[in-house]
Amino acid sequence: MDLLFDIFRVDSGWQAFFTILDMTIVFIVIYRVLLLIKGTRALQMLFGLIFILIFFYISQEDYLNLATTHWLIDMFIANLIIIVVIIFQHDIRRALAQVGRAPILGGARSYEETSVLEEVVKACVMLSSRKLGALIAIEREADLSHFTEEGIKLDAVVTKDVLFTLFLPEHQNPLHDGAVIIQKGRVSAAGCFLPLTINPRVEKTLGTRHRAGIGVTEDTDAAVAIVSEETGTISIAYEGELHRDLDANEMRSLLQKIYRAGTSSAPAGSLLERLKVGLQDRATPPPPSSDETEKDEVSS
């Protein structure tokens, strides 16, 4: 408490200004870091790091007096910077690339997800009927830009025809073997390579597409639609789990459930807009379900 009083104790108007500026910069930095790691495994590791720091504090001689444990954690903290750089090298590179080009308090996506998801469902059904393999990663909170670097950059509207064309196995189409990535409601890249899962519990019979779909969802909160080239079955990978043998309705329902569970569906571009949209969502009644609409049509 005394520390807080010392921070806000000022002797002049200019000192008060610089104190407020200092606190604002700290707030923005913390907000941007949390926004960057939201939806990734980095957030879970951050909580683990906080737990380690708390345990380091209470293991001191004045508290639990766990000398060996305190020494081990002290050695870990001494090399923490190197450990963080190694583990989060992709996130750090992505963060540095975003500096100067992103809004200070922005980061949220603004687009209509319902139509995008519907086009993905229709495309997967078309590809499934012809047993054409497909791998479609849909970005949510975690940025997928670093996966597009080795692919072919696009900026196309998400339609079933565009997605179907990208996965046609023609000799003149080098993109059909890679993944298509959807960002901000548009097809941002094709022919991308996704990391394969190394989870030993994953079935040995799964092919490269399914392993890549599971792998990217282990590191991010993306939803990945997968169409098997051998059987034509449709699957959805999410949070490291594979939901297999889905029909169109099951796929649509699962994707909608995934996006309702997150916060990326709020069309906001800044912190203030998030709050504004949240109030608007509370005031707006939910649309009638398809079952209710069908009942109304029958009764009429």
Foldseek 3Di string as FASTA:
>chain_A
DVVVCVLCDDDDPVSNVVSVVVVVVVVLVVLVVCLQCPQFCVVVVVVVVVVLVVCLVQCPPVHVVVPVSNVVSVVCVVCVVVVCCVVCVVSVVVVVVCPPPADSFFQFFADAVLVLLLQVLVLLQVCLVVLFKAKEKEDFRHDPVVQQPPFAFDWAARHSVVRNVQQDPDPPRQFNVFHFYDDSRTGGGTNTFADFDPDPPDDPPDDPRVRRQLRNQCGGQIKMWIAGSVNSWIWIHGNSDIRTRDHSVRSSVVVVVSNVVDLSNQRDTGPVSSVVSVVVVVVDDDDDDPVVVVVVVVVD
